[in-house]
Structure formats: C-alpha cells, structure tokens
C-alpha cells in the first residue's frame, strides 16, 4: 500500500512540474512574440521593450521554478 502512495506522489509531482514548465513556456513564448511585434512596429523603442520583456520573462521563470520546487517538496514530504 505504501508503495502505491509513493508512486502516486511521484506521478503527481511529475505532472505538476510538467504543467508548471509548460505554462512558463507558453507565457514566455507569448511575451517574446509580442516583443518582436512591438519592436517591428516601433524600432526606436527596442531597448525599452527588450528590458521589459526580459524582466517579465525572469518573473515567469521564477514562478515556474517555485512551482516545480513545491511539487518536489510535496513528494519529499510523502
């Protein structure tokens, strides 16, 4: 019985980490696409756009990393 619960906890942690990584990938992709489109429309503002894009991408990566760590901590607490 304990082996089954360990397996389910590991499965849940893996699925949660995968969803967090998938969400981060989609979010960063949308940010990158919007930034490229914005730079194409206003090339003189490319420095400001790139800075804002990198800051937003870093925040998304931080949240995704936090989600992955929480998933594995939940598994480790099992």
N, C-alpha and C. Protein backbone atom coordinates (compact mmCIF):
# COMPACT_ATOMS: atom_id res chain seq x y z
N UNK A 1 0.83 -1.20 0.00
CA UNK A 1 0.00 0.00 0.00
C UNK A 1 0.87 1.26 0.00
N UNK A 2 1.92 1.25 0.79
CA UNK A 2 2.80 2.40 0.85
C UNK A 2 3.51 2.63 -0.48
N UNK A 3 3.82 1.56 -1.18
CA UNK A 3 4.47 1.67 -2.48
C UNK A 3 3.54 2.36 -3.49
N UNK A 4 2.26 2.06 -3.41
CA UNK A 4 1.28 2.70 -4.29
C UNK A 4 1.20 4.20 -4.02
N UNK A 5 1.18 4.59 -2.76
CA UNK A 5 1.11 6.01 -2.42
C UNK A 5 2.37 6.74 -2.85
N UNK A 6 3.52 6.10 -2.71
CA UNK A 6 4.77 6.71 -3.17
C UNK A 6 4.75 6.91 -4.68
N UNK A 7 4.25 5.93 -5.39
CA UNK A 7 4.17 6.04 -6.84
C UNK A 7 3.22 7.15 -7.27
N UNK A 8 2.07 7.26 -6.59
CA UNK A 8 1.12 8.31 -6.93
C UNK A 8 1.68 9.69 -6.59
N UNK A 9 2.41 9.79 -5.48
CA UNK A 9 3.02 11.07 -5.12
C UNK A 9 4.06 11.48 -6.15
N UNK A 10 4.84 10.52 -6.61
CA UNK A 10 5.85 10.81 -7.63
C UNK A 10 5.17 11.20 -8.95
N UNK A 11 4.11 10.51 -9.30
CA UNK A 11 3.36 10.85 -10.51
C UNK A 11 2.77 12.25 -10.43
N UNK A 12 2.18 12.57 -9.29
CA UNK A 12 1.62 13.91 -9.10
C UNK A 12 2.67 14.99 -9.16
N UNK A 13 3.83 14.73 -8.55
CA UNK A 13 4.92 15.72 -8.59
C UNK A 13 5.41 15.91 -10.02
N UNK A 14 5.54 14.83 -10.75
CA UNK A 14 5.98 14.94 -12.14
C UNK A 14 5.00 15.68 -13.01
N UNK A 15 3.72 15.39 -12.84
CA UNK A 15 2.70 16.07 -13.64
C UNK A 15 2.64 17.55 -13.27
N UNK A 16 2.72 17.85 -11.98
CA UNK A 16 2.70 19.26 -11.55
C UNK A 16 3.89 20.03 -12.08
N UNK A 17 5.06 19.43 -12.01
CA UNK A 17 6.26 20.10 -12.53
C UNK A 17 6.15 20.30 -14.04
N UNK A 18 5.60 19.33 -14.73
CA UNK A 18 5.42 19.46 -16.18
C UNK A 18 4.45 20.56 -16.54
N UNK A 19 3.36 20.67 -15.80
CA UNK A 19 2.39 21.73 -16.06
C UNK A 19 3.00 23.10 -15.78
N UNK A 20 3.80 23.20 -14.71
CA UNK A 20 4.46 24.47 -14.40
C UNK A 20 5.42 24.86 -15.52
N UNK A 21 6.19 23.91 -16.01
CA UNK A 21 7.13 24.19 -17.09
C UNK A 21 6.40 24.53 -18.39
N UNK A 22 5.31 23.84 -18.66
CA UNK A 22 4.52 24.11 -19.86
C UNK A 22 3.92 25.52 -19.81
N UNK A 23 3.38 25.88 -18.67
CA UNK A 23 2.81 27.21 -18.52
C UNK A 23 3.86 28.30 -18.69
N UNK A 24 5.04 28.07 -18.15
CA UNK A 24 6.12 29.05 -18.30
C UNK A 24 6.54 29.17 -19.76
N UNK A 25 6.62 28.05 -20.45
CA UNK A 25 6.99 28.08 -21.87
C UNK A 25 5.99 28.84 -22.71
N UNK A 26 4.72 28.63 -22.45
CA UNK A 26 3.67 29.35 -23.19
C UNK A 26 3.73 30.84 -22.87
N UNK A 27 3.89 31.17 -21.60
CA UNK A 27 3.94 32.58 -21.21
C UNK A 27 5.13 33.31 -21.81
N UNK A 28 6.30 32.69 -21.75
CA UNK A 28 7.49 33.33 -22.31
C UNK A 28 7.39 33.42 -23.84
N UNK A 29 6.78 32.43 -24.45
CA UNK A 29 6.57 32.49 -25.90
C UNK A 29 5.66 33.65 -26.30
N UNK A 30 4.60 33.86 -25.53
CA UNK A 30 3.71 34.98 -25.82
C UNK A 30 4.41 36.31 -25.61
N UNK A 31 5.22 36.40 -24.55
CA UNK A 31 5.96 37.63 -24.30
C UNK A 31 6.94 37.90 -25.44
N UNK A 32 7.68 36.88 -25.84
CA UNK A 32 8.65 37.04 -26.92
C UNK A 32 8.00 37.44 -28.23
N UNK A 33 6.90 36.80 -28.57
CA UNK A 33 6.20 37.14 -29.80
C UNK A 33 5.67 38.56 -29.79
N UNK A 34 5.11 38.96 -28.66
CA UNK A 34 4.60 40.33 -28.55
C UNK A 34 5.72 41.35 -28.60
N UNK A 35 6.87 41.00 -28.00
CA UNK A 35 8.00 41.93 -28.02
C UNK A 35 8.54 42.10 -29.44
N UNK A 36 8.65 41.02 -30.18
CA UNK A 36 9.12 41.12 -31.56
C UNK A 36 8.16 41.94 -32.40
N UNK A 37 6.88 41.73 -32.20
CA UNK A 37 5.87 42.51 -32.92
C UNK A 37 5.96 43.99 -32.56
N UNK A 38 6.17 44.28 -31.30
CA UNK A 38 6.27 45.66 -30.85
C UNK A 38 7.52 46.33 -31.41
N UNK A 39 8.62 45.60 -31.43
CA UNK A 39 9.86 46.16 -31.98
C UNK A 39 9.72 46.40 -33.48
N UNK A 40 8.99 45.53 -34.16
CA UNK A 40 8.78 45.74 -35.59
C UNK A 40 7.96 46.99 -35.86
N UNK A 41 7.05 47.31 -34.95
CA UNK A 41 6.21 48.50 -35.13
C UNK A 41 6.93 49.78 -34.71
N UNK A 42 7.73 49.70 -33.64
CA UNK A 42 8.44 50.86 -33.13
C UNK A 42 9.90 50.51 -32.84
N UNK A 43 10.73 50.45 -33.86
CA UNK A 43 12.11 50.04 -33.66
C UNK A 43 12.91 50.99 -32.78
N UNK A 44 12.52 52.24 -32.68
CA UNK A 44 13.25 53.18 -31.85
C UNK A 44 13.09 52.88 -30.35
N UNK A 45 12.10 52.11 -29.99
CA UNK A 45 11.85 51.76 -28.58
C UNK A 45 12.33 50.35 -28.24
N UNK A 46 13.19 49.79 -29.06
CA UNK A 46 13.58 48.39 -28.88
C UNK A 46 14.27 48.14 -27.54
N UNK A 47 15.08 49.09 -27.06
CA UNK A 47 15.77 48.90 -25.79
C UNK A 47 14.80 48.77 -24.62
N UNK A 48 13.81 49.65 -24.58
CA UNK A 48 12.81 49.61 -23.51
C UNK A 48 11.97 48.34 -23.59
N UNK A 49 11.61 47.95 -24.80
CA UNK A 49 10.79 46.75 -24.99
C UNK A 49 11.55 45.51 -24.56
N UNK A 50 12.82 45.42 -24.95
CA UNK A 50 13.63 44.26 -24.57
C UNK A 50 13.81 44.18 -23.07
N UNK A 51 14.02 45.32 -22.43
CA UNK A 51 14.19 45.33 -20.98
C UNK A 51 12.93 44.84 -20.28
N UNK A 52 11.79 45.35 -20.70
CA UNK A 52 10.52 44.92 -20.10
C UNK A 52 10.26 43.44 -20.36
N UNK A 53 10.62 42.98 -21.56
CA UNK A 53 10.42 41.57 -21.90
C UNK A 53 11.27 40.67 -21.01
N UNK A 54 12.54 41.04 -20.83
CA UNK A 54 13.43 40.21 -20.01
C UNK A 54 13.01 40.18 -18.55
N UNK A 55 12.55 41.30 -18.03
CA UNK A 55 12.08 41.33 -16.64
C UNK A 55 10.85 40.44 -16.47
N UNK A 56 9.91 40.55 -17.40
CA UNK A 56 8.70 39.72 -17.32
C UNK A 56 9.04 38.23 -17.47
N UNK A 57 9.95 37.91 -18.38
CA UNK A 57 10.35 36.51 -18.55
C UNK A 57 11.04 35.97 -17.30
N UNK A 58 11.84 36.81 -16.65
CA UNK A 58 12.50 36.37 -15.42
C UNK A 58 11.49 36.10 -14.32
N UNK A 59 10.46 36.93 -14.21
CA UNK A 59 9.43 36.69 -13.20
C UNK A 59 8.67 35.39 -13.49
N UNK A 60 8.38 35.15 -14.75
CA UNK A 60 7.67 33.91 -15.11
C UNK A 60 8.54 32.70 -14.79
N UNK A 61 9.83 32.77 -15.11
CA UNK A 61 10.74 31.66 -14.78
C UNK A 61 10.80 31.43 -13.28
N UNK A 62 10.81 32.52 -12.51
CA UNK A 62 10.83 32.39 -11.05
C UNK A 62 9.59 31.68 -10.52
N UNK A 63 8.44 32.04 -11.04
CA UNK A 63 7.20 31.40 -10.61
C UNK A 63 7.18 29.93 -11.02
N UNK A 64 7.66 29.64 -12.22
CA UNK A 64 7.71 28.24 -12.69
C UNK A 64 8.66 27.42 -11.83
N UNK A 65 9.81 27.97 -11.51
CA UNK A 65 10.76 27.27 -10.65
C UNK A 65 10.16 27.03 -9.26
N UNK A 66 9.46 28.02 -8.74
CA UNK A 66 8.79 27.86 -7.46
C UNK A 66 7.77 26.73 -7.53
N UNK A 67 7.00 26.66 -8.61
CA UNK A 67 6.02 25.58 -8.77
C UNK A 67 6.67 24.21 -8.81
N UNK A 68 7.79 24.10 -9.52
CA UNK A 68 8.49 22.82 -9.60
C UNK A 68 9.03 22.42 -8.24
N UNK A 69 9.60 23.38 -7.52
CA UNK A 69 10.15 23.08 -6.18
C UNK A 69 9.04 22.65 -5.23
N UNK A 70 7.90 23.32 -5.29
CA UNK A 70 6.78 22.94 -4.43
C UNK A 70 6.31 21.52 -4.75
N UNK A 71 6.25 21.18 -6.02
CA UNK A 71 5.85 19.82 -6.41
C UNK A 71 6.79 18.78 -5.82
N UNK A 72 8.08 19.03 -5.91
CA UNK A 72 9.03 18.05 -5.39
C UNK A 72 9.08 18.05 -3.87
N UNK A 73 8.81 19.18 -3.23
CA UNK A 73 8.72 19.20 -1.76
C UNK A 73 7.51 18.42 -1.28
N UNK A 74 6.42 18.52 -1.99
CA UNK A 74 5.24 17.74 -1.63
C UNK A 74 5.53 16.26 -1.74
N UNK A 75 6.26 15.88 -2.80
CA UNK A 75 6.65 14.48 -2.95
C UNK A 75 7.59 14.05 -1.83
N UNK A 76 8.54 14.91 -1.48
CA UNK A 76 9.52 14.55 -0.45
C UNK A 76 8.86 14.44 0.93
N UNK A 77 7.80 15.18 1.16
CA UNK A 77 7.10 15.12 2.44
C UNK A 77 6.27 13.86 2.58
N UNK A 78 6.06 13.17 1.49
CA UNK A 78 5.24 11.95 1.50
C UNK A 78 5.86 10.84 2.29
